[in-house]
Amino acid sequence: MIATRARALALLEQMFLIRRLEEKCAEVYSAGKIRGFLHLYIGEEAVAVGAMAALDAADNVVATYREHGHALARGLTPTAVMAEMYGKATGCSRGRGGSMHLFSTPHRFFGGHAIVGGGLPVAVGLALADSMLGREGVTACFFGDGAVDEGEFHESLNLAALWRLPVLFVCENNLYAMGTALERHESVTDLCVKPRAYGIPAENVDGMDLFAVEAATAHAVSEVRRHRSPFFLEAKTYRFRAHSMYDAEAYRSREEVAEWAQKHDPIDLAVAELTRRGLIDGAEPAAIDLRVRAAVERACEEADAAPLEPVGDLLRDVLAPEVG
């Protein structure tokens, strides 16, 4: 899919941006500048970048609470994302959402949903609205393997199939639902079996391979557009950090994490493949990394300097105005 040097460099830079911003978030969280929960996307960058590359600007995107990477790949700026993390008024959700509720109407990025599986019915609703209004867009909904156990997963897939809605369901299977291994919470670990029970075509892809994800998503999106009906794509991936910053990570060994990071780092794999194809040279990844680190530092500085929402505005958009 990645045919040009410019496109290759752009996608690689997105992956570096997600990685470095997430690492910075962990740092400033420890310093008390980000509050609440924080779920890092480190290790899963190929899924967001590869999938977003196959979507159009007019398509809808719905994500989970681990959505920083999706937001950046969708085009939100590091400044808008970091300011939201800090709870500042210049954030993409005016500081009201924080880490788990990134949102941007101009980018058709509709969350950030803190409830496991909570974005699934929202995605179905967006697709239903598009169908009723005659819009041609696709709604891509990202969720983890843990959401497959939730009732709204089955309700959403059933309705999407029944009403023939243009939804691309993207399951980011990172092998652990919070702290529970896949084989301990799924009696059938082939997740593609479940959507097929509703008559929805389903495929899986190596979620650590940027090029495989982009190609698989492009195929899935073309099927959704052509048939105006749902499709399920399982991206098999792995997170290199704990479920959240509060997670003691007692459910997996350090050796397992280290092996995945050493052998399957999606950025290393992408660099190696792009170098093999002759689309980048040996010095370019380091140059991209330096540029990205500088952008993340600027985003932090701007978030530090940004104002909090005025106290007088705290009820805005919360209560309806009195009538009569």
C-alpha atoms as a PDB file:
ATOM      1  CA  MET A   1       0.000   0.000   0.000  1.00  0.00           C
ATOM      2  CA  ILE A   2       2.762   2.473   0.909  1.00  0.00           C
ATOM      3  CA  ALA A   3       3.969   3.370  -2.553  1.00  0.00           C
ATOM      4  CA  THR A   4       5.795   6.681  -2.168  1.00  0.00           C
ATOM      5  CA  ARG A   5       8.682   7.907  -0.083  1.00  0.00           C
ATOM      6  CA  ALA A   6       6.708  10.925   1.180  1.00  0.00           C
ATOM      7  CA  ARG A   7       3.879   8.701   2.402  1.00  0.00           C
ATOM      8  CA  ALA A   8       6.315   6.320   4.059  1.00  0.00           C
ATOM      9  CA  LEU A   9       8.004   9.142   5.946  1.00  0.00           C
ATOM     10  CA  ALA A  10       4.669  10.632   7.017  1.00  0.00           C
ATOM     11  CA  LEU A  11       3.375   7.348   8.458  1.00  0.00           C
ATOM     12  CA  LEU A  12       6.667   6.607  10.195  1.00  0.00           C
ATOM     13  CA  GLU A  13       6.610  10.070  11.749  1.00  0.00           C
ATOM     14  CA  GLN A  14       3.098   9.421  13.066  1.00  0.00           C
ATOM     15  CA  MET A  15       4.318   6.260  14.772  1.00  0.00           C
ATOM     16  CA  PHE A  16       7.252   8.080  16.344  1.00  0.00           C
ATOM     17  CA  LEU A  17       4.943  10.906  17.458  1.00  0.00           C
ATOM     18  CA  ILE A  18       2.588   8.518  19.222  1.00  0.00           C
ATOM     19  CA  ARG A  19       5.465   6.703  20.933  1.00  0.00           C
ATOM     20  CA  ARG A  20       7.224   9.857  22.153  1.00  0.00           C
ATOM     21  CA  LEU A  21       4.062  11.608  23.282  1.00  0.00           C
ATOM     22  CA  GLU A  22       2.999   8.546  25.247  1.00  0.00           C
ATOM     23  CA  GLU A  23       6.407   8.292  26.895  1.00  0.00           C
ATOM     24  CA  LYS A  24       6.185  11.978  27.798  1.00  0.00           C
ATOM     25  CA  CYS A  25       2.698  11.471  29.209  1.00  0.00           C
ATOM     26  CA  ALA A  26       4.052   8.792  31.545  1.00  0.00           C
ATOM     27  CA  GLU A  27       6.774  11.205  32.661  1.00  0.00           C
ATOM     28  CA  VAL A  28       4.501  14.176  33.369  1.00  0.00           C
ATOM     29  CA  TYR A  29       1.876  11.923  34.942  1.00  0.00           C
ATOM     30  CA  SER A  30       4.482  10.852  37.482  1.00  0.00           C
ATOM     31  CA  ALA A  31       5.161  14.549  38.100  1.00  0.00           C
ATOM     32  CA  GLY A  32       1.478  15.126  38.903  1.00  0.00           C
ATOM     33  CA  LYS A  33       0.652  17.231  35.842  1.00  0.00           C
ATOM     34  CA  ILE A  34      -1.807  14.665  34.433  1.00  0.00           C
ATOM     35  CA  ARG A  35      -4.476  13.424  36.824  1.00  0.00           C
ATOM     36  CA  GLY A  36      -6.892  10.523  36.849  1.00  0.00           C
ATOM     37  CA  PHE A  37      -6.348   7.411  34.766  1.00  0.00           C
ATOM     38  CA  LEU A  38      -3.811   7.148  31.963  1.00  0.00           C
ATOM     39  CA  HIS A  39      -3.720   4.249  29.490  1.00  0.00           C
ATOM     40  CA  LEU A  40      -0.692   4.198  27.200  1.00  0.00           C
ATOM     41  CA  TYR A  41      -0.671   2.955  23.608  1.00  0.00           C
ATOM     42  CA  ILE A  42       3.026   2.079  23.407  1.00  0.00           C
ATOM     43  CA  GLY A  43       3.493  -1.029  21.267  1.00  0.00           C
ATOM     44  CA  GLU A  44       0.207  -0.706  19.387  1.00  0.00           C
ATOM     45  CA  GLU A  45       1.137   2.239  17.131  1.00  0.00           C
ATOM     46  CA  ALA A  46       0.919   0.265  13.876  1.00  0.00           C
ATOM     47  CA  VAL A  47      -2.806  -0.339  14.365  1.00  0.00           C
ATOM     48  CA  ALA A  48      -3.861   3.301  14.692  1.00  0.00           C
ATOM     49  CA  VAL A  49      -1.486   4.603  12.021  1.00  0.00           C
ATOM     50  CA  GLY A  50      -2.158   1.817   9.530  1.00  0.00           C
ATOM     51  CA  ALA A  51      -5.926   1.923  10.000  1.00  0.00           C
ATOM     52  CA  MET A  52      -6.271   5.711   9.839  1.00  0.00           C
ATOM     53  CA  ALA A  53      -4.222   5.736   6.638  1.00  0.00           C
ATOM     54  CA  ALA A  54      -6.981   3.706   4.990  1.00  0.00           C
ATOM     55  CA  LEU A  55      -9.838   6.007   6.091  1.00  0.00           C
ATOM     56  CA  ASP A  56     -11.105   9.192   4.460  1.00  0.00           C
ATOM     57  CA  ALA A  57     -11.553  12.560   6.173  1.00  0.00           C
ATOM     58  CA  ALA A  58     -15.346  12.184   5.864  1.00  0.00           C
ATOM     59  CA  ASP A  59     -15.351   8.890   7.787  1.00  0.00           C
ATOM     60  CA  ASN A  60     -16.220   8.714  11.487  1.00  0.00           C
ATOM     61  CA  VAL A  61     -13.846   7.354  14.142  1.00  0.00           C
ATOM     62  CA  VAL A  62     -14.859   6.078  17.579  1.00  0.00           C
ATOM     63  CA  ALA A  63     -12.171   4.882  19.994  1.00  0.00           C
ATOM     64  CA  THR A  64     -11.631   3.562  23.515  1.00  0.00           C
ATOM     65  CA  TYR A  65      -9.993   5.060  26.605  1.00  0.00           C
ATOM     66  CA  ARG A  66      -6.591   4.082  25.105  1.00  0.00           C
ATOM     67  CA  GLU A  67      -7.146   6.560  22.288  1.00  0.00           C
ATOM     68  CA  HIS A  68      -4.236   9.026  22.271  1.00  0.00           C
ATOM     69  CA  GLY A  69      -2.622   7.242  19.328  1.00  0.00           C
ATOM     70  CA  HIS A  70      -5.857   7.190  17.350  1.00  0.00           C
ATOM     71  CA  ALA A  71      -6.373  10.913  17.935  1.00  0.00           C
ATOM     72  CA  LEU A  72      -2.867  11.791  16.763  1.00  0.00           C
ATOM     73  CA  ALA A  73      -3.096   9.510  13.726  1.00  0.00           C
ATOM     74  CA  ARG A  74      -6.444  11.094  12.888  1.00  0.00           C
ATOM     75  CA  GLY A  75      -4.777  14.501  12.739  1.00  0.00           C
ATOM     76  CA  LEU A  76      -5.273  16.098  16.152  1.00  0.00           C
ATOM     77  CA  THR A  77      -2.210  18.119  17.110  1.00  0.00           C
ATOM     78  CA  PRO A  78       0.116  17.124  19.958  1.00  0.00           C
ATOM     79  CA  THR A  79      -0.652  20.512  21.520  1.00  0.00           C
ATOM     80  CA  ALA A  80      -4.420  19.904  21.571  1.00  0.00           C
ATOM     81  CA  VAL A  81      -3.955  16.385  22.935  1.00  0.00           C
ATOM     82  CA  MET A  82      -1.429  17.318  25.620  1.00  0.00           C
ATOM     83  CA  ALA A  83      -3.437  20.332  26.759  1.00  0.00           C
ATOM     84  CA  GLU A  84      -6.426  18.038  27.201  1.00  0.00           C
ATOM     85  CA  MET A  85      -4.282  15.675  29.264  1.00  0.00           C
ATOM     86  CA  TYR A  86      -3.398  18.622  31.499  1.00  0.00           C
ATOM     87  CA  GLY A  87      -7.065  19.592  31.817  1.00  0.00           C
ATOM     88  CA  LYS A  88      -6.494  22.955  30.149  1.00  0.00           C
ATOM     89  CA  ALA A  89      -9.047  25.054  28.266  1.00  0.00           C
ATOM     90  CA  THR A  90      -7.034  24.808  25.050  1.00  0.00           C
ATOM     91  CA  GLY A  91      -7.399  21.028  24.972  1.00  0.00           C
ATOM     92  CA  CYS A  92      -9.445  19.316  22.276  1.00  0.00           C
ATOM     93  CA  SER A  93     -12.287  18.819  24.791  1.00  0.00           C
ATOM     94  CA  ARG A  94     -11.648  22.161  26.533  1.00  0.00           C
ATOM     95  CA  GLY A  95      -9.983  20.298  29.394  1.00  0.00           C
ATOM     96  CA  ARG A  96     -13.199  18.619  30.464  1.00  0.00           C
ATOM     97  CA  GLY A  97     -12.467  15.145  29.179  1.00  0.00           C
ATOM     98  CA  GLY A  98      -8.854  14.429  29.982  1.00  0.00           C
ATOM     99  CA  SER A  99      -6.998  11.343  28.844  1.00  0.00           C
ATOM    100  CA  MET A 100     -10.003   9.091  28.220  1.00  0.00           C
ATOM    101  CA  HIS A 101     -12.288  11.551  26.429  1.00  0.00           C
ATOM    102  CA  LEU A 102     -10.425  13.095  23.515  1.00  0.00           C
ATOM    103  CA  PHE A 103     -12.909  14.465  20.977  1.00  0.00           C
ATOM    104  CA  SER A 104     -12.768  16.573  17.815  1.00  0.00           C
ATOM    105  CA  THR A 105     -15.767  17.250  15.611  1.00  0.00           C
ATOM    106  CA  PRO A 106     -13.662  18.775  12.779  1.00  0.00           C
ATOM    107  CA  HIS A 107     -11.716  15.511  12.569  1.00  0.00           C
ATOM    108  CA  ARG A 108     -14.899  13.436  12.965  1.00  0.00           C
ATOM    109  CA  PHE A 109     -13.190  11.873  15.970  1.00  0.00           C
ATOM    110  CA  PHE A 110     -16.052  11.029  18.330  1.00  0.00           C
ATOM    111  CA  GLY A 111     -14.249   9.840  21.479  1.00  0.00           C
ATOM    112  CA  GLY A 112     -12.538   8.559  23.688  1.00  0.00           C
ATOM    113  CA  HIS A 113     -14.988   6.361  25.700  1.00  0.00           C
ATOM    114  CA  ALA A 114     -14.093   5.360  29.245  1.00  0.00           C
ATOM    115  CA  ILE A 115     -16.606   2.510  29.509  1.00  0.00           C
ATOM    116  CA  VAL A 116     -15.378  -0.802  28.088  1.00  0.00           C
ATOM    117  CA  GLY A 117     -17.314  -1.322  24.859  1.00  0.00           C
ATOM    118  CA  GLY A 118     -19.073   2.014  25.322  1.00  0.00           C
ATOM    119  CA  GLY A 119     -18.121   3.271  21.887  1.00  0.00           C
ATOM    120  CA  LEU A 120     -19.754   0.359  20.054  1.00  0.00           C
ATOM    121  CA  PRO A 121     -23.392   1.544  20.237  1.00  0.00           C
ATOM    122  CA  VAL A 122     -22.232   5.115  19.514  1.00  0.00           C
ATOM    123  CA  ALA A 123     -20.576   3.867  16.325  1.00  0.00           C
ATOM    124  CA  VAL A 124     -23.743   2.049  15.302  1.00  0.00           C
ATOM    125  CA  GLY A 125     -25.723   5.236  15.935  1.00  0.00           C
ATOM    126  CA  LEU A 126     -23.348   7.307  13.801  1.00  0.00           C
ATOM    127  CA  ALA A 127     -23.575   4.797  10.964  1.00  0.00           C
ATOM    128  CA  LEU A 128     -27.371   4.716  11.243  1.00  0.00           C
ATOM    129  CA  ALA A 129     -27.469   8.514  11.035  1.00  0.00           C
ATOM    130  CA  ASP A 130     -25.235   8.459   7.952  1.00  0.00           C
ATOM    131  CA  SER A 131     -27.491   5.890   6.305  1.00  0.00           C
ATOM    132  CA  MET A 132     -30.634   7.897   7.076  1.00  0.00           C
ATOM    133  CA  LEU A 133     -29.044  11.124   5.815  1.00  0.00           C
ATOM    134  CA  GLY A 134     -27.603   9.550   2.697  1.00  0.00           C
ATOM    135  CA  ARG A 135     -23.980  10.209   3.671  1.00  0.00           C
ATOM    136  CA  GLU A 136     -21.393   7.893   2.144  1.00  0.00           C
ATOM    137  CA  GLY A 137     -19.029   7.743   5.118  1.00  0.00           C
ATOM    138  CA  VAL A 138     -17.780   4.709   6.996  1.00  0.00           C
ATOM    139  CA  THR A 139     -17.694   4.559  10.792  1.00  0.00           C
ATOM    140  CA  ALA A 140     -14.579   2.892  12.195  1.00  0.00           C
ATOM    141  CA  CYS A 141     -14.951   1.706  15.774  1.00  0.00           C
ATOM    142  CA  PHE A 142     -11.880   0.641  17.777  1.00  0.00           C
ATOM    143  CA  PHE A 143     -12.136  -1.503  20.917  1.00  0.00           C
ATOM    144  CA  GLY A 144     -10.098  -4.059  22.844  1.00  0.00           C
ATOM    145  CA  ASP A 145     -10.517  -7.808  23.208  1.00  0.00           C
ATOM    146  CA  GLY A 146     -12.097  -7.287  26.631  1.00  0.00           C
ATOM    147  CA  ALA A 147     -15.038  -5.493  25.004  1.00  0.00           C
ATOM    148  CA  VAL A 148     -15.956  -8.689  23.145  1.00  0.00           C
ATOM    149  CA  ASP A 149     -17.314 -10.027  26.452  1.00  0.00           C
ATOM    150  CA  GLU A 150     -19.701  -7.094  26.889  1.00  0.00           C
ATOM    151  CA  GLY A 151     -23.380  -7.168  26.031  1.00  0.00           C
ATOM    152  CA  GLU A 152     -23.191  -4.028  23.908  1.00  0.00           C
ATOM    153  CA  PHE A 153     -20.685  -5.773  21.632  1.00  0.00           C
ATOM    154  CA  HIS A 154     -23.257  -8.381  20.670  1.00  0.00           C
ATOM    155  CA  GLU A 155     -26.139  -5.903  20.549  1.00  0.00           C
ATOM    156  CA  SER A 156     -24.144  -3.553  18.331  1.00  0.00           C
ATOM    157  CA  LEU A 157     -22.992  -6.232  15.894  1.00  0.00           C
ATOM    158  CA  ASN A 158     -26.495  -7.646  15.685  1.00  0.00           C
ATOM    159  CA  LEU A 159     -28.046  -4.266  14.860  1.00  0.00           C
ATOM    160  CA  ALA A 160     -25.283  -3.338  12.413  1.00  0.00           C
ATOM    161  CA  ALA A 161     -25.868  -6.591  10.534  1.00  0.00           C
ATOM    162  CA  LEU A 162     -29.662  -6.411  10.772  1.00  0.00           C
ATOM    163  CA  TRP A 163     -29.828  -2.829   9.502  1.00  0.00           C
ATOM    164  CA  ARG A 164     -26.878  -3.213   7.077  1.00  0.00           C
ATOM    165  CA  LEU A 165     -24.901  -0.318   8.523  1.00  0.00           C
ATOM    166  CA  PRO A 166     -21.469   0.821   7.232  1.00  0.00           C
ATOM    167  CA  VAL A 167     -19.429   0.080  10.363  1.00  0.00           C
ATOM    168  CA  LEU A 168     -15.872  -1.205  10.438  1.00  0.00           C
ATOM    169  CA  PHE A 169     -15.397  -2.920  13.793  1.00  0.00           C
ATOM    170  CA  VAL A 170     -11.675  -2.961  14.651  1.00  0.00           C
ATOM    171  CA  CYS A 171     -10.778  -5.165  17.611  1.00  0.00           C
ATOM    172  CA  GLU A 172      -7.308  -4.360  18.971  1.00  0.00           C
ATOM    173  CA  ASN A 173      -6.541  -7.700  20.557  1.00  0.00           C
ATOM    174  CA  ASN A 174      -3.528  -7.051  22.795  1.00  0.00           C
ATOM    175  CA  LEU A 175      -4.001 -10.433  24.530  1.00  0.00           C
ATOM    176  CA  TYR A 176      -5.006  -8.971  27.909  1.00  0.00           C
ATOM    177  CA  ALA A 177      -8.342  -7.533  29.020  1.00  0.00           C
ATOM    178  CA  MET A 178      -6.915  -5.289  31.732  1.00  0.00           C
ATOM    179  CA  GLY A 179      -5.083  -8.016  33.686  1.00  0.00           C
ATOM    180  CA  THR A 180      -6.826 -11.095  32.312  1.00  0.00           C
ATOM    181  CA  ALA A 181      -5.215 -13.136  29.535  1.00  0.00           C
ATOM    182  CA  LEU A 182      -7.331 -13.840  26.465  1.00  0.00           C
ATOM    183  CA  GLU A 183      -7.571 -17.576  27.112  1.00  0.00           C
ATOM    184  CA  ARG A 184      -8.870 -16.890  30.624  1.00  0.00           C
ATOM    185  CA  HIS A 185     -11.797 -14.683  29.552  1.00  0.00           C
ATOM    186  CA  GLU A 186     -12.713 -16.178  26.155  1.00  0.00           C
ATOM    187  CA  SER A 187     -13.920 -19.762  25.773  1.00  0.00           C
ATOM    188  CA  VAL A 188     -13.256 -19.370  22.029  1.00  0.00           C
ATOM    189  CA  THR A 189     -10.098 -17.353  21.435  1.00  0.00           C
ATOM    190  CA  ASP A 190     -10.664 -16.984  17.680  1.00  0.00           C
ATOM    191  CA  LEU A 191     -12.486 -13.674  17.956  1.00  0.00           C
ATOM    192  CA  CYS A 192     -13.533 -13.710  14.301  1.00  0.00           C
ATOM    193  CA  VAL A 193     -15.999 -16.506  15.092  1.00  0.00           C
ATOM    194  CA  LYS A 194     -18.256 -14.103  17.009  1.00  0.00           C
ATOM    195  CA  PRO A 195     -19.057 -11.556  14.267  1.00  0.00           C
ATOM    196  CA  ARG A 196     -19.510 -14.367  11.735  1.00  0.00           C
ATOM    197  CA  ALA A 197     -22.327 -15.652  13.938  1.00  0.00           C
ATOM    198  CA  TYR A 198     -24.162 -12.430  13.028  1.00  0.00           C
ATOM    199  CA  GLY A 199     -23.384 -12.790   9.335  1.00  0.00           C
ATOM    200  CA  ILE A 200     -20.581 -10.219   9.438  1.00  0.00           C
ATOM    201  CA  PRO A 201     -17.428 -11.012   7.440  1.00  0.00           C
ATOM    202  CA  ALA A 202     -14.336 -11.091   9.639  1.00  0.00           C
ATOM    203  CA  GLU A 203     -10.580 -11.253   9.151  1.00  0.00           C
ATOM    204  CA  ASN A 204      -7.506 -10.893  11.341  1.00  0.00           C
ATOM    205  CA  VAL A 205      -4.178  -9.181  10.747  1.00  0.00           C
ATOM    206  CA  ASP A 206      -0.766  -8.860  12.388  1.00  0.00           C
ATOM    207  CA  GLY A 207      -1.255  -5.649  14.358  1.00  0.00           C
ATOM    208  CA  MET A 208       2.483  -5.118  14.772  1.00  0.00           C
ATOM    209  CA  ASP A 209       2.949  -4.780  10.996  1.00  0.00           C
ATOM    210  CA  LEU A 210       2.108  -1.279   9.732  1.00  0.00           C
ATOM    211  CA  PHE A 211       1.849  -2.382   6.118  1.00  0.00           C
ATOM    212  CA  ALA A 212      -0.313  -5.399   6.859  1.00  0.00           C
ATOM    213  CA  VAL A 213      -2.697  -3.277   8.941  1.00  0.00           C
ATOM    214  CA  GLU A 214      -3.017  -0.638   6.238  1.00  0.00           C
ATOM    215  CA  ALA A 215      -3.669  -3.238   3.532  1.00  0.00           C
ATOM    216  CA  ALA A 216      -6.179  -5.171   5.654  1.00  0.00           C
ATOM    217  CA  THR A 217      -8.010  -1.996   6.677  1.00  0.00           C
ATOM    218  CA  ALA A 218      -8.113  -0.740   3.085  1.00  0.00           C
ATOM    219  CA  HIS A 219      -9.690  -4.039   2.027  1.00  0.00           C
ATOM    220  CA  ALA A 220     -12.166  -3.952   4.915  1.00  0.00           C
ATOM    221  CA  VAL A 221     -13.145  -0.335   4.240  1.00  0.00           C
ATOM    222  CA  SER A 222     -13.667  -1.059   0.547  1.00  0.00           C
ATOM    223  CA  GLU A 223     -15.989  -3.924   1.482  1.00  0.00           C
ATOM    224  CA  VAL A 224     -17.976  -1.700   3.855  1.00  0.00           C
ATOM    225  CA  ARG A 225     -18.282   1.032   1.207  1.00  0.00           C
ATOM    226  CA  ARG A 226     -19.213  -1.396  -1.551  1.00  0.00           C
ATOM    227  CA  HIS A 227     -21.846  -3.344   0.348  1.00  0.00           C
ATOM    228  CA  ARG A 228     -22.906  -0.627   2.845  1.00  0.00           C
ATOM    229  CA  SER A 229     -22.727  -3.275   5.556  1.00  0.00           C
ATOM    230  CA  PRO A 230     -20.434  -4.084   8.513  1.00  0.00           C
ATOM    231  CA  PHE A 231     -17.039  -5.763   8.569  1.00  0.00           C
ATOM    232  CA  PHE A 232     -14.946  -7.014  11.510  1.00  0.00           C
ATOM    233  CA  LEU A 233     -11.148  -6.741  11.594  1.00  0.00           C
ATOM    234  CA  GLU A 234      -9.111  -8.232  14.432  1.00  0.00           C
ATOM    235  CA  ALA A 235      -5.639  -6.676  14.811  1.00  0.00           C
ATOM    236  CA  LYS A 236      -3.428  -8.936  16.911  1.00  0.00           C
ATOM    237  CA  THR A 237      -1.154  -6.603  18.835  1.00  0.00           C
ATOM    238  CA  TYR A 238       0.552  -6.147  22.214  1.00  0.00           C
ATOM    239  CA  ARG A 239       0.981  -3.279  24.636  1.00  0.00           C
ATOM    240  CA  PHE A 240       4.459  -2.801  26.060  1.00  0.00           C
ATOM    241  CA  ARG A 241       3.237  -0.924  29.135  1.00  0.00           C
ATOM    242  CA  ALA A 242       0.826  -1.860  31.895  1.00  0.00           C
ATOM    243  CA  HIS A 243      -2.926  -1.532  31.409  1.00  0.00           C
ATOM    244  CA  SER A 244      -2.825   1.846  33.147  1.00  0.00           C
ATOM    245  CA  MET A 245      -0.443   3.825  35.313  1.00  0.00           C
ATOM    246  CA  TYR A 246      -2.076   2.244  38.398  1.00  0.00           C
ATOM    247  CA  ASP A 247      -1.544  -1.322  37.171  1.00  0.00           C
ATOM    248  CA  ALA A 248       0.975  -3.429  39.116  1.00  0.00           C
ATOM    249  CA  GLU A 249       1.183  -5.744  36.068  1.00  0.00           C
ATOM    250  CA  ALA A 250       1.366  -8.934  38.123  1.00  0.00           C
ATOM    251  CA  TYR A 251      -0.421 -10.974  35.446  1.00  0.00           C
ATOM    252  CA  ARG A 252       2.474 -11.263  32.956  1.00  0.00           C
ATOM    253  CA  SER A 253       6.225 -11.656  33.222  1.00  0.00           C
ATOM    254  CA  ARG A 254       8.843  -9.052  32.435  1.00  0.00           C
ATOM    255  CA  GLU A 255      10.454 -11.617  30.168  1.00  0.00           C
ATOM    256  CA  GLU A 256       7.316 -11.858  28.052  1.00  0.00           C
ATOM    257  CA  VAL A 257       7.079  -8.082  27.644  1.00  0.00           C
ATOM    258  CA  ALA A 258      10.797  -7.808  26.851  1.00  0.00           C
ATOM    259  CA  GLU A 259      10.553 -10.503  24.190  1.00  0.00           C
ATOM    260  CA  TRP A 260       7.670  -8.746  22.470  1.00  0.00           C
ATOM    261  CA  ALA A 261       9.467  -5.402  22.620  1.00  0.00           C
ATOM    262  CA  GLN A 262      12.706  -6.847  21.249  1.00  0.00           C
ATOM    263  CA  LYS A 263      11.225  -8.961  18.466  1.00  0.00           C
ATOM    264  CA  HIS A 264       7.994  -7.210  17.513  1.00  0.00           C
ATOM    265  CA  ASP A 265       8.399  -3.469  18.091  1.00  0.00           C
ATOM    266  CA  PRO A 266       6.184  -1.993  15.325  1.00  0.00           C
ATOM    267  CA  ILE A 267       8.451   1.023  14.805  1.00  0.00           C
ATOM    268  CA  ASP A 268      11.565  -1.119  14.428  1.00  0.00           C
ATOM    269  CA  LEU A 269       9.714  -3.417  12.029  1.00  0.00           C
ATOM    270  CA  ALA A 270       8.479  -0.477   9.947  1.00  0.00           C
ATOM    271  CA  VAL A 271      11.947   1.089   9.785  1.00  0.00           C
ATOM    272  CA  ALA A 272      13.473  -2.208   8.692  1.00  0.00           C
ATOM    273  CA  GLU A 273      10.861  -2.763   5.983  1.00  0.00           C
ATOM    274  CA  LEU A 274      11.023   0.809   4.647  1.00  0.00           C
ATOM    275  CA  THR A 275      14.815   0.586   4.551  1.00  0.00           C
ATOM    276  CA  ARG A 276      14.585  -2.717   2.685  1.00  0.00           C
ATOM    277  CA  ARG A 277      12.255  -1.129   0.150  1.00  0.00           C
ATOM    278  CA  GLY A 278      14.663   1.783  -0.309  1.00  0.00           C
ATOM    279  CA  LEU A 279      12.086   4.364   0.812  1.00  0.00           C
ATOM    280  CA  ILE A 280      14.216   5.717   3.679  1.00  0.00           C
ATOM    281  CA  ASP A 281      17.920   5.810   4.441  1.00  0.00           C
ATOM    282  CA  GLY A 282      19.713   4.974   7.673  1.00  0.00           C
ATOM    283  CA  ALA A 283      19.827   8.529   9.034  1.00  0.00           C
ATOM    284  CA  GLU A 284      16.180   9.451   8.562  1.00  0.00           C
ATOM    285  CA  PRO A 285      14.590   7.629  11.525  1.00  0.00           C
ATOM    286  CA  ALA A 286      16.898   9.457  13.946  1.00  0.00           C
ATOM    287  CA  ALA A 287      16.091  12.795  12.291  1.00  0.00           C
ATOM    288  CA  ILE A 288      12.361  12.084  12.516  1.00  0.00           C
ATOM    289  CA  ASP A 289      12.755  11.133  16.160  1.00  0.00           C
ATOM    290  CA  LEU A 290      14.530  14.395  16.988  1.00  0.00           C
ATOM    291  CA  ARG A 291      11.855  16.439  15.228  1.00  0.00           C
ATOM    292  CA  VAL A 292       9.077  14.570  17.005  1.00  0.00           C
ATOM    293  CA  ARG A 293      10.698  14.920  20.433  1.00  0.00           C
ATOM    294  CA  ALA A 294      10.942  18.676  19.893  1.00  0.00           C
ATOM    295  CA  ALA A 295       7.249  18.829  18.933  1.00  0.00           C
ATOM    296  CA  VAL A 296       6.260  16.913  22.062  1.00  0.00           C
ATOM    297  CA  GLU A 297       8.351  19.217  24.256  1.00  0.00           C
ATOM    298  CA  ARG A 298       6.652  22.256  22.690  1.00  0.00           C
ATOM    299  CA  ALA A 299       3.261  20.669  23.319  1.00  0.00           C
ATOM    300  CA  CYS A 300       4.136  20.216  27.000  1.00  0.00           C
ATOM    301  CA  GLU A 301       5.368  23.796  27.318  1.00  0.00           C
ATOM    302  CA  GLU A 302       2.186  25.123  25.730  1.00  0.00           C
ATOM    303  CA  ALA A 303       0.034  22.899  27.936  1.00  0.00           C
ATOM    304  CA  ASP A 304       1.870  24.191  31.001  1.00  0.00           C
ATOM    305  CA  ALA A 305       1.257  27.793  29.953  1.00  0.00           C
ATOM    306  CA  ALA A 306      -2.361  27.297  28.850  1.00  0.00           C
ATOM    307  CA  PRO A 307      -5.214  28.568  31.061  1.00  0.00           C
ATOM    308  CA  LEU A 308      -7.704  26.501  32.971  1.00  0.00           C
ATOM    309  CA  GLU A 309     -11.358  26.946  32.074  1.00  0.00           C
ATOM    310  CA  PRO A 310     -12.830  29.910  34.003  1.00  0.00           C
ATOM    311  CA  VAL A 311     -14.833  28.840  37.045  1.00  0.00           C
ATOM    312  CA  GLY A 312     -17.789  30.823  35.719  1.00  0.00           C
ATOM    313  CA  ASP A 313     -17.969  28.532  32.682  1.00  0.00           C
ATOM    314  CA  LEU A 314     -18.111  25.249  34.585  1.00  0.00           C
ATOM    315  CA  LEU A 315     -21.892  24.882  34.164  1.00  0.00           C
ATOM    316  CA  ARG A 316     -21.763  25.650  30.461  1.00  0.00           C
ATOM    317  CA  ASP A 317     -23.032  22.670  28.416  1.00  0.00           C
ATOM    318  CA  VAL A 318     -24.028  20.876  31.611  1.00  0.00           C
ATOM    319  CA  LEU A 319     -27.473  22.320  32.347  1.00  0.00           C
ATOM    320  CA  ALA A 320     -30.063  23.387  29.767  1.00  0.00           C
ATOM    321  CA  PRO A 321     -31.054  27.061  29.969  1.00  0.00           C
ATOM    322  CA  GLU A 322     -34.356  27.848  31.632  1.00  0.00           C
ATOM    323  CA  VAL A 323     -37.279  28.240  29.248  1.00  0.00           C
ATOM    324  CA  GLY A 324     -40.124  30.697  29.837  1.00  0.00           C
END
